[in-house]
Amino acid sequence: MQRLQYYHTEHILASDVHGVHHKDSFVCHETVSGDIVGLSDITGTVNYLDKIGYGIHGMVDKEGHMAWAYGLGEALFYHAGGVNERATGCELVSLIPAMIAKKVITREQGWEMWLHRGAQLTALAKMISAWHNSDPKRRPLVRSNSLHPGVCSHWDVSQHFSASKGHWDCQPHDKGGHFPLGHVIEMAKGYVHYGYHF
């Protein structure tokens, strides 16, 4: 058993909890914020979400720093309209969606950029494996479209729930996007046996 090393955010986000509900889905988001060395991206995003009444269970930046709202794993945060009750959310620090939107890079180039963010993808995979290990039967390490248990992206959620319509962060590469979601899930499967937990 190995406990993940992360920055604790529960003291900031406790006031943003809107109830408690079992989680069977893990939703990946992108912050659309810069890659500042250190924890600034994480603390800045968490404080901003708190300011507007939103919340997020986890965060990972380019350097592989992790944040987690320890003790609030079943908390209902507003982060993905339509699945907030049953979804754990994780923000990934990344400017890639903004660069694609501004046509600075293509989606394919965005995918290649994500593949070079090894520390971030590794940290995300470890976090997903810890999420799975906390309830293996109800939190499967499978690709989901947001309608069934598993791991998905905010883009997936927006395809089925009007409350998330228009969001395309972490659009999977195999669905015409830029994010290597399938790759991350396979990495997470490899980390399960290390017994990562929060």
Foldseek 3Di string as FASTA:
>chain_A
DDEDDAAALQVLCVVLFPDFAAAQEEAEFEDLDDQDPDCCVVVVVQNVCSVVSFHAAKEAELQQHIYGHPPCQRTQGPDAPPCSNHYHYYYYYDNLVVCCVVVVDPQQVLQVVQVVSVSRLLSLLLVLLQVCLVPVVRHDLDEDLSPHGHYYYSLSSLVPGVVSPPDCGQPDVVNVGRHPSVVSSVSSVVCNVVPYHD
